[in-house]
PDB file of N, CA and C in Angstrom:
ATOM      1  N   MET A   1       0.838  -1.176   0.000  1.00  0.00           N
ATOM      2  CA  MET A   1       0.000   0.000   0.000  1.00  0.00           C
ATOM      3  C   MET A   1       0.889   1.247   0.000  1.00  0.00           C
ATOM      4  N   LEU A   2       0.597   2.155  -0.881  1.00  0.00           N
ATOM      5  CA  LEU A   2       1.377   3.381  -0.979  1.00  0.00           C
ATOM      6  C   LEU A   2       0.889   4.396   0.041  1.00  0.00           C
ATOM      7  N   ALA A   3       1.828   4.981   0.738  1.00  0.00           N
ATOM      8  CA  ALA A   3       1.482   6.045   1.683  1.00  0.00           C
ATOM      9  C   ALA A   3       1.389   7.361   0.919  1.00  0.00           C
ATOM     10  N   HIS A   4       0.540   8.232   1.375  1.00  0.00           N
ATOM     11  CA  HIS A   4       0.389   9.538   0.742  1.00  0.00           C
ATOM     12  C   HIS A   4       0.800  10.613   1.738  1.00  0.00           C
ATOM     13  N   MET A   5       1.434  11.644   1.221  1.00  0.00           N
ATOM     14  CA  MET A   5       1.870  12.763   2.034  1.00  0.00           C
ATOM     15  C   MET A   5       1.120  13.997   1.568  1.00  0.00           C
ATOM     16  N   LYS A   6       0.513  14.680   2.477  1.00  0.00           N
ATOM     17  CA  LYS A   6      -0.193  15.919   2.139  1.00  0.00           C
ATOM     18  C   LYS A   6       0.840  17.034   2.091  1.00  0.00           C
ATOM     19  N   VAL A   7       0.783  17.826   1.019  1.00  0.00           N
ATOM     20  CA  VAL A   7       1.739  18.907   0.797  1.00  0.00           C
ATOM     21  C   VAL A   7       0.973  20.165   0.423  1.00  0.00           C
ATOM     22  N   THR A   8       1.417  21.288   0.932  1.00  0.00           N
ATOM     23  CA  THR A   8       0.830  22.567   0.565  1.00  0.00           C
ATOM     24  C   THR A   8       1.823  23.300  -0.320  1.00  0.00           C
ATOM     25  N   ILE A   9       1.346  23.762  -1.475  1.00  0.00           N
ATOM     26  CA  ILE A   9       2.208  24.526  -2.384  1.00  0.00           C
ATOM     27  C   ILE A   9       1.481  25.816  -2.763  1.00  0.00           C
ATOM     28  N   ASP A  10       2.230  26.825  -3.065  1.00  0.00           N
ATOM     29  CA  ASP A  10       1.676  28.095  -3.519  1.00  0.00           C
ATOM     30  C   ASP A  10       1.882  28.200  -5.019  1.00  0.00           C
ATOM     31  N   LEU A  11       0.791  28.402  -5.738  1.00  0.00           N
ATOM     32  CA  LEU A  11       0.843  28.585  -7.182  1.00  0.00           C
ATOM     33  C   LEU A  11       0.270  29.950  -7.517  1.00  0.00           C
ATOM     34  N   THR A  12       0.730  30.496  -8.617  1.00  0.00           N
ATOM     35  CA  THR A  12       0.104  31.734  -9.079  1.00  0.00           C
ATOM     36  C   THR A  12      -1.328  31.412  -9.500  1.00  0.00           C
ATOM     37  N   ASP A  13      -2.182  32.409  -9.459  1.00  0.00           N
ATOM     38  CA  ASP A  13      -3.570  32.210  -9.886  1.00  0.00           C
ATOM     39  C   ASP A  13      -3.631  31.680 -11.316  1.00  0.00           C
ATOM     40  N   GLU A  14      -2.790  32.213 -12.165  1.00  0.00           N
ATOM     41  CA  GLU A  14      -2.782  31.810 -13.574  1.00  0.00           C
ATOM     42  C   GLU A  14      -2.401  30.336 -13.726  1.00  0.00           C
ATOM     43  N   LEU A  15      -1.377  29.918 -13.015  1.00  0.00           N
ATOM     44  CA  LEU A  15      -0.949  28.522 -13.102  1.00  0.00           C
ATOM     45  C   LEU A  15      -2.013  27.591 -12.527  1.00  0.00           C
ATOM     46  N   TYR A  16      -2.587  27.968 -11.402  1.00  0.00           N
ATOM     47  CA  TYR A  16      -3.625  27.132 -10.797  1.00  0.00           C
ATOM     48  C   TYR A  16      -4.826  26.999 -11.732  1.00  0.00           C
ATOM     49  N   ARG A  17      -5.236  28.102 -12.357  1.00  0.00           N
ATOM     50  CA  ARG A  17      -6.366  28.035 -13.305  1.00  0.00           C
ATOM     51  C   ARG A  17      -6.031  27.111 -14.474  1.00  0.00           C
ATOM     52  N   ALA A  18      -4.815  27.198 -14.962  1.00  0.00           N
ATOM     53  CA  ALA A  18      -4.402  26.350 -16.080  1.00  0.00           C
ATOM     54  C   ALA A  18      -4.422  24.872 -15.683  1.00  0.00           C
ATOM     55  N   VAL A  19      -3.968  24.573 -14.471  1.00  0.00           N
ATOM     56  CA  VAL A  19      -3.981  23.192 -13.985  1.00  0.00           C
ATOM     57  C   VAL A  19      -5.419  22.715 -13.815  1.00  0.00           C
ATOM     58  N   LYS A  20      -6.269  23.576 -13.270  1.00  0.00           N
ATOM     59  CA  LYS A  20      -7.692  23.218 -13.100  1.00  0.00           C
ATOM     60  C   LYS A  20      -8.354  22.941 -14.454  1.00  0.00           C
ATOM     61  N   VAL A  21      -8.055  23.761 -15.445  1.00  0.00           N
ATOM     62  CA  VAL A  21      -8.616  23.566 -16.782  1.00  0.00           C
ATOM     63  C   VAL A  21      -8.129  22.236 -17.355  1.00  0.00           C
ATOM     64  N   GLU A  22      -6.842  21.953 -17.221  1.00  0.00           N
ATOM     65  CA  GLU A  22      -6.291  20.686 -17.725  1.00  0.00           C
ATOM     66  C   GLU A  22      -6.918  19.507 -16.999  1.00  0.00           C
ATOM     67  N   ALA A  23      -7.095  19.631 -15.703  1.00  0.00           N
ATOM     68  CA  ALA A  23      -7.718  18.559 -14.928  1.00  0.00           C
ATOM     69  C   ALA A  23      -9.140  18.308 -15.417  1.00  0.00           C
ATOM     70  N   ALA A  24      -9.904  19.358 -15.617  1.00  0.00           N
ATOM     71  CA  ALA A  24     -11.280  19.211 -16.087  1.00  0.00           C
ATOM     72  C   ALA A  24     -11.318  18.660 -17.510  1.00  0.00           C
ATOM     73  N   ARG A  25     -10.433  19.169 -18.347  1.00  0.00           N
ATOM     74  CA  ARG A  25     -10.394  18.741 -19.752  1.00  0.00           C
ATOM     75  C   ARG A  25     -10.079  17.255 -19.880  1.00  0.00           C
ATOM     76  N   THR A  26      -9.222  16.741 -19.002  1.00  0.00           N
ATOM     77  CA  THR A  26      -8.771  15.347 -19.092  1.00  0.00           C
ATOM     78  C   THR A  26      -9.444  14.444 -18.063  1.00  0.00           C
ATOM     79  N   ASP A  27     -10.431  14.984 -17.355  1.00  0.00           N
ATOM     80  CA  ASP A  27     -11.174  14.223 -16.347  1.00  0.00           C
ATOM     81  C   ASP A  27     -10.244  13.631 -15.287  1.00  0.00           C
ATOM     82  N   ARG A  28      -9.337  14.470 -14.818  1.00  0.00           N
ATOM     83  CA  ARG A  28      -8.421  14.085 -13.743  1.00  0.00           C
ATOM     84  C   ARG A  28      -8.508  15.140 -12.655  1.00  0.00           C
ATOM     85  N   SER A  29      -7.950  14.815 -11.494  1.00  0.00           N
ATOM     86  CA  SER A  29      -7.927  15.782 -10.399  1.00  0.00           C
ATOM     87  C   SER A  29      -6.661  16.636 -10.488  1.00  0.00           C
ATOM     88  N   VAL A  30      -6.697  17.765  -9.796  1.00  0.00           N
ATOM     89  CA  VAL A  30      -5.501  18.609  -9.704  1.00  0.00           C
ATOM     90  C   VAL A  30      -4.369  17.803  -9.079  1.00  0.00           C
ATOM     91  N   ARG A  31      -4.689  17.014  -8.082  1.00  0.00           N
ATOM     92  CA  ARG A  31      -3.691  16.164  -7.423  1.00  0.00           C
ATOM     93  C   ARG A  31      -3.016  15.233  -8.436  1.00  0.00           C
ATOM     94  N   GLN A  32      -3.809  14.620  -9.327  1.00  0.00           N
ATOM     95  CA  GLN A  32      -3.230  13.728 -10.336  1.00  0.00           C
ATOM     96  C   GLN A  32      -2.320  14.489 -11.296  1.00  0.00           C
ATOM     97  N   ILE A  33      -2.765  15.674 -11.702  1.00  0.00           N
ATOM     98  CA  ILE A  33      -1.953  16.492 -12.617  1.00  0.00           C
ATOM     99  C   ILE A  33      -0.620  16.844 -11.969  1.00  0.00           C
ATOM    100  N   VAL A  34      -0.658  17.303 -10.732  1.00  0.00           N
ATOM    101  CA  VAL A  34       0.567  17.692 -10.032  1.00  0.00           C
ATOM    102  C   VAL A  34       1.462  16.469  -9.810  1.00  0.00           C
ATOM    103  N   ASP A  35       0.866  15.351  -9.425  1.00  0.00           N
ATOM    104  CA  ASP A  35       1.625  14.122  -9.203  1.00  0.00           C
ATOM    105  C   ASP A  35       2.330  13.687 -10.486  1.00  0.00           C
ATOM    106  N   GLU A  36       1.600  13.697 -11.603  1.00  0.00           N
ATOM    107  CA  GLU A  36       2.196  13.319 -12.884  1.00  0.00           C
ATOM    108  C   GLU A  36       3.289  14.295 -13.304  1.00  0.00           C
ATOM    109  N   ALA A  37       3.052  15.582 -13.081  1.00  0.00           N
ATOM    110  CA  ALA A  37       4.039  16.594 -13.462  1.00  0.00           C
ATOM    111  C   ALA A  37       5.326  16.431 -12.657  1.00  0.00           C
ATOM    112  N   LEU A  38       5.189  16.211 -11.361  1.00  0.00           N
ATOM    113  CA  LEU A  38       6.379  16.013 -10.533  1.00  0.00           C
ATOM    114  C   LEU A  38       7.112  14.734 -10.921  1.00  0.00           C
ATOM    115  N   GLY A  39       6.348  13.677 -11.189  1.00  0.00           N
ATOM    116  CA  GLY A  39       6.964  12.421 -11.624  1.00  0.00           C
ATOM    117  C   GLY A  39       7.725  12.586 -12.925  1.00  0.00           C
ATOM    118  N   ALA A  40       7.121  13.288 -13.887  1.00  0.00           N
ATOM    119  CA  ALA A  40       7.781  13.522 -15.173  1.00  0.00           C
ATOM    120  C   ALA A  40       9.034  14.378 -15.002  1.00  0.00           C
ATOM    121  N   TRP A  41       8.950  15.376 -14.118  1.00  0.00           N
ATOM    122  CA  TRP A  41      10.109  16.236 -13.865  1.00  0.00           C
ATOM    123  C   TRP A  41      11.255  15.433 -13.256  1.00  0.00           C
ATOM    124  N   LEU A  42      10.945  14.587 -12.278  1.00  0.00           N
ATOM    125  CA  LEU A  42      11.983  13.764 -11.659  1.00  0.00           C
ATOM    126  C   LEU A  42      12.597  12.788 -12.656  1.00  0.00           C
ATOM    127  N   GLU A  43      11.772  12.183 -13.484  1.00  0.00           N
ATOM    128  CA  GLU A  43      12.272  11.254 -14.499  1.00  0.00           C
ATOM    129  C   GLU A  43      13.190  11.977 -15.485  1.00  0.00           C
ATOM    130  N   ALA A  44      12.793  13.178 -15.904  1.00  0.00           N
ATOM    131  CA  ALA A  44      13.622  13.958 -16.827  1.00  0.00           C
ATOM    132  C   ALA A  44      14.954  14.341 -16.176  1.00  0.00           C
ATOM    133  N   ALA A  45      14.913  14.669 -14.886  1.00  0.00           N
ATOM    134  CA  ALA A  45      16.151  15.014 -14.172  1.00  0.00           C
ATOM    135  C   ALA A  45      17.075  13.800 -14.094  1.00  0.00           C
ATOM    136  N   GLU A  46      16.505  12.622 -13.831  1.00  0.00           N
ATOM    137  CA  GLU A  46      17.313  11.398 -13.779  1.00  0.00           C
ATOM    138  C   GLU A  46      17.885  11.070 -15.150  1.00  0.00           C
ATOM    139  N   ASP A  47      17.075  11.241 -16.204  1.00  0.00           N
ATOM    140  CA  ASP A  47      17.561  10.994 -17.560  1.00  0.00           C
ATOM    141  C   ASP A  47      18.707  11.939 -17.907  1.00  0.00           C
ATOM    142  N   ALA A  48      18.575  13.206 -17.522  1.00  0.00           N
ATOM    143  CA  ALA A  48      19.638  14.183 -17.789  1.00  0.00           C
ATOM    144  C   ALA A  48      20.911  13.803 -17.046  1.00  0.00           C
ATOM    145  N   GLU A  49      20.755  13.340 -15.811  1.00  0.00           N
ATOM    146  CA  GLU A  49      21.918  12.910 -15.029  1.00  0.00           C
ATOM    147  C   GLU A  49      22.573  11.689 -15.670  1.00  0.00           C
ATOM    148  N   ASP A  50      21.761  10.750 -16.151  1.00  0.00           N
ATOM    149  CA  ASP A  50      22.301   9.573 -16.829  1.00  0.00           C
ATOM    150  C   ASP A  50      23.058   9.963 -18.090  1.00  0.00           C
ATOM    151  N   LEU A  51      22.503  10.907 -18.862  1.00  0.00           N
ATOM    152  CA  LEU A  51      23.178  11.365 -20.078  1.00  0.00           C
ATOM    153  C   LEU A  51      24.503  12.039 -19.753  1.00  0.00           C
ATOM    154  N   GLU A  52      24.505  12.818 -18.678  1.00  0.00           N
ATOM    155  CA  GLU A  52      25.738  13.491 -18.264  1.00  0.00           C
ATOM    156  C   GLU A  52      26.793  12.463 -17.855  1.00  0.00           C
ATOM    157  N   SER A  53      26.383  11.447 -17.108  1.00  0.00           N
ATOM    158  CA  SER A  53      27.312  10.386 -16.704  1.00  0.00           C
ATOM    159  C   SER A  53      27.843   9.619 -17.905  1.00  0.00           C
ATOM    160  N   ALA A  54      26.951   9.325 -18.860  1.00  0.00           N
ATOM    161  CA  ALA A  54      27.362   8.608 -20.063  1.00  0.00           C
ATOM    162  C   ALA A  54      28.352   9.443 -20.878  1.00  0.00           C
ATOM    163  N   ALA A  55      28.092  10.738 -20.971  1.00  0.00           N
ATOM    164  CA  ALA A  55      29.001  11.616 -21.715  1.00  0.00           C
ATOM    165  C   ALA A  55      30.372  11.670 -21.039  1.00  0.00           C
ATOM    166  N   ALA A  56      30.380  11.730 -19.713  1.00  0.00           N
ATOM    167  CA  ALA A  56      31.652  11.749 -18.985  1.00  0.00           C
ATOM    168  C   ALA A  56      32.396  10.429 -19.176  1.00  0.00           C
ATOM    169  N   ALA A  57      31.676   9.316 -19.129  1.00  0.00           N
ATOM    170  CA  ALA A  57      32.307   8.008 -19.324  1.00  0.00           C
ATOM    171  C   ALA A  57      32.861   7.890 -20.744  1.00  0.00           C
ATOM    172  N   HIS A  58      32.115   8.402 -21.715  1.00  0.00           N
ATOM    173  CA  HIS A  58      32.585   8.342 -23.100  1.00  0.00           C
ATOM    174  C   HIS A  58      33.824   9.204 -23.289  1.00  0.00           C
ATOM    175  N   ALA A  59      33.845  10.373 -22.673  1.00  0.00           N
ATOM    176  CA  ALA A  59      35.027  11.249 -22.765  1.00  0.00           C
ATOM    177  C   ALA A  59      36.239  10.572 -22.145  1.00  0.00           C
ATOM    178  N   GLU A  60      36.046   9.914 -21.003  1.00  0.00           N
ATOM    179  CA  GLU A  60      37.151   9.193 -20.359  1.00  0.00           C
ATOM    180  C   GLU A  60      37.631   8.052 -21.254  1.00  0.00           C
ATOM    181  N   TYR A  61      36.684   7.336 -21.848  1.00  0.00           N
ATOM    182  CA  TYR A  61      37.001   6.244 -22.762  1.00  0.00           C
ATOM    183  C   TYR A  61      37.877   6.746 -23.906  1.00  0.00           C
ATOM    184  N   LYS A  62      37.485   7.889 -24.500  1.00  0.00           N
ATOM    185  CA  LYS A  62      38.259   8.445 -25.602  1.00  0.00           C
ATOM    186  C   LYS A  62      39.637   8.915 -25.141  1.00  0.00           C
ATOM    187  N   ARG A  63      39.705   9.522 -23.940  1.00  0.00           N
ATOM    188  CA  ARG A  63      40.988   9.982 -23.395  1.00  0.00           C
ATOM    189  C   ARG A  63      41.947   8.823 -23.176  1.00  0.00           C
ATOM    190  N   ASN A  64      41.413   7.677 -22.796  1.00  0.00           N
ATOM    191  CA  ASN A  64      42.247   6.517 -22.469  1.00  0.00           C
ATOM    192  C   ASN A  64      42.519   5.617 -23.669  1.00  0.00           C
ATOM    193  N   GLY A  65      42.238   6.077 -24.857  1.00  0.00           N
ATOM    194  CA  GLY A  65      42.574   5.310 -26.040  1.00  0.00           C
ATOM    195  C   GLY A  65      41.410   4.580 -26.669  1.00  0.00           C
ATOM    196  N   GLY A  66      40.334   4.413 -25.976  1.00  0.00           N
ATOM    197  CA  GLY A  66      39.124   3.843 -26.556  1.00  0.00           C
ATOM    198  C   GLY A  66      39.266   2.460 -27.139  1.00  0.00           C
ATOM    199  N   GLU A  67      39.677   1.496 -26.359  1.00  0.00           N
ATOM    200  CA  GLU A  67      39.809   0.125 -26.831  1.00  0.00           C
ATOM    201  C   GLU A  67      38.428  -0.516 -26.974  1.00  0.00           C
ATOM    202  N   SER A  68      38.204  -1.226 -28.082  1.00  0.00           N
ATOM    203  CA  SER A  68      36.914  -1.874 -28.292  1.00  0.00           C
ATOM    204  C   SER A  68      36.760  -3.057 -27.340  1.00  0.00           C
ATOM    205  N   ALA A  69      35.533  -3.428 -27.072  1.00  0.00           N
ATOM    206  CA  ALA A  69      35.251  -4.570 -26.199  1.00  0.00           C
ATOM    207  C   ALA A  69      35.876  -5.831 -26.776  1.00  0.00           C
ATOM    208  N   GLU A  70      35.797  -5.988 -28.098  1.00  0.00           N
ATOM    209  CA  GLU A  70      36.373  -7.175 -28.746  1.00  0.00           C
ATOM    210  C   GLU A  70      37.879  -7.255 -28.503  1.00  0.00           C
ATOM    211  N   ALA A  71      38.573  -6.140 -28.651  1.00  0.00           N
ATOM    212  CA  ALA A  71      40.019  -6.125 -28.425  1.00  0.00           C
ATOM    213  C   ALA A  71      40.339  -6.369 -26.951  1.00  0.00           C
ATOM    214  N   PHE A  72      39.575  -5.751 -26.055  1.00  0.00           N
ATOM    215  CA  PHE A  72      39.800  -5.930 -24.625  1.00  0.00           C
ATOM    216  C   PHE A  72      39.646  -7.387 -24.222  1.00  0.00           C
ATOM    217  N   PHE A  73      38.537  -8.015 -24.629  1.00  0.00           N
ATOM    218  CA  PHE A  73      38.293  -9.397 -24.236  1.00  0.00           C
ATOM    219  C   PHE A  73      39.247 -10.360 -24.941  1.00  0.00           C
ATOM    220  N   GLY A  74      39.672 -10.025 -26.154  1.00  0.00           N
ATOM    221  CA  GLY A  74      40.679 -10.841 -26.836  1.00  0.00           C
ATOM    222  C   GLY A  74      41.997 -10.818 -26.085  1.00  0.00           C
ATOM    223  N   ALA A  75      42.417  -9.631 -25.651  1.00  0.00           N
ATOM    224  CA  ALA A  75      43.659  -9.506 -24.881  1.00  0.00           C
ATOM    225  C   ALA A  75      43.528 -10.219 -23.539  1.00  0.00           C
ATOM    226  N   LEU A  76      42.394 -10.108 -22.905  1.00  0.00           N
ATOM    227  CA  LEU A  76      42.169 -10.786 -21.630  1.00  0.00           C
ATOM    228  C   LEU A  76      42.229 -12.301 -21.803  1.00  0.00           C
ATOM    229  N   ALA A  77      41.650 -12.812 -22.867  1.00  0.00           N
ATOM    230  CA  ALA A  77      41.695 -14.256 -23.138  1.00  0.00           C
ATOM    231  C   ALA A  77      43.125 -14.714 -23.374  1.00  0.00           C
ATOM    232  N   ALA A  78      43.888 -13.912 -24.117  1.00  0.00           N
ATOM    233  CA  ALA A  78      45.283 -14.268 -24.373  1.00  0.00           C
ATOM    234  C   ALA A  78      46.089 -14.277 -23.077  1.00  0.00           C
ATOM    235  N   GLU A  79      45.874 -13.299 -22.221  1.00  0.00           N
ATOM    236  CA  GLU A  79      46.564 -13.259 -20.931  1.00  0.00           C
ATOM    237  C   GLU A  79      46.207 -14.464 -20.072  1.00  0.00           C
ATOM    238  N   THR A  80      44.932 -14.817 -20.089  1.00  0.00           N
ATOM    239  CA  THR A  80      44.471 -15.961 -19.297  1.00  0.00           C
ATOM    240  C   THR A  80      45.105 -17.242 -19.803  1.00  0.00           C
ATOM    241  N   GLN A  81      45.162 -17.422 -21.123  1.00  0.00           N
ATOM    242  CA  GLN A  81      45.784 -18.617 -21.692  1.00  0.00           C
ATOM    243  C   GLN A  81      47.263 -18.683 -21.337  1.00  0.00           C
ATOM    244  N   THR A  82      47.945 -17.557 -21.413  1.00  0.00           N
ATOM    245  CA  THR A  82      49.366 -17.513 -21.079  1.00  0.00           C
ATOM    246  C   THR A  82      49.574 -17.869 -19.609  1.00  0.00           C
ATOM    247  N   ALA A  83      48.777 -17.305 -18.736  1.00  0.00           N
ATOM    248  CA  ALA A  83      48.901 -17.586 -17.311  1.00  0.00           C
ATOM    249  C   ALA A  83      48.589 -19.049 -17.027  1.00  0.00           C
ATOM    250  N   PHE A  84      47.588 -19.613 -17.689  1.00  0.00           N
ATOM    251  CA  PHE A  84      47.207 -21.005 -17.472  1.00  0.00           C
ATOM    252  C   PHE A  84      48.323 -21.943 -17.939  1.00  0.00           C
ATOM    253  N   ARG A  85      48.926 -21.624 -19.099  1.00  0.00           N
ATOM    254  CA  ARG A  85      50.031 -22.449 -19.625  1.00  0.00           C
ATOM    255  C   ARG A  85      51.245 -22.401 -18.709  1.00  0.00           C
ATOM    256  N   SER A  86      51.548 -21.232 -18.154  1.00  0.00           N
ATOM    257  CA  SER A  86      52.725 -21.121 -17.280  1.00  0.00           C
ATOM    258  C   SER A  86      52.531 -21.880 -15.978  1.00  0.00           C
ATOM    259  N   LYS A  87      51.294 -22.008 -15.519  1.00  0.00           N
ATOM    260  CA  LYS A  87      51.034 -22.779 -14.284  1.00  0.00           C
ATOM    261  C   LYS A  87      51.074 -24.276 -14.549  1.00  0.00           C
ATOM    262  N   ARG A  88      50.755 -24.692 -15.778  1.00  0.00           N
ATOM    263  CA  ARG A  88      50.712 -26.112 -16.101  1.00  0.00           C
ATOM    264  C   ARG A  88      52.103 -26.658 -16.380  1.00  0.00           C
ATOM    265  N   GLY A  89      52.940 -25.848 -16.829  1.00  0.00           N
ATOM    266  CA  GLY A  89      54.116 -26.484 -17.303  1.00  0.00           C
ATOM    267  C   GLY A  89      55.403 -26.013 -16.931  1.00  0.00           C
TER     268      GLY A  89
END
């Protein structure tokens, strides 16, 4: 069961009227409109943060030479084979 928190916010008359009109037009409550708007805002903020992190990771990748996954795993396999052979013989 989801808990609900009552919150008081101050909106301009113009914004409140616009939200009320949207609520009536879409047969939703003001609470639903505000809840959806806040949810969408938070999701957009998280997406922006993810994009920023991805861009930073890509920049680091390029700075460090940008080795492909295929080359990395090929080199790792070769190292593993070499280490395994040296232990066996």
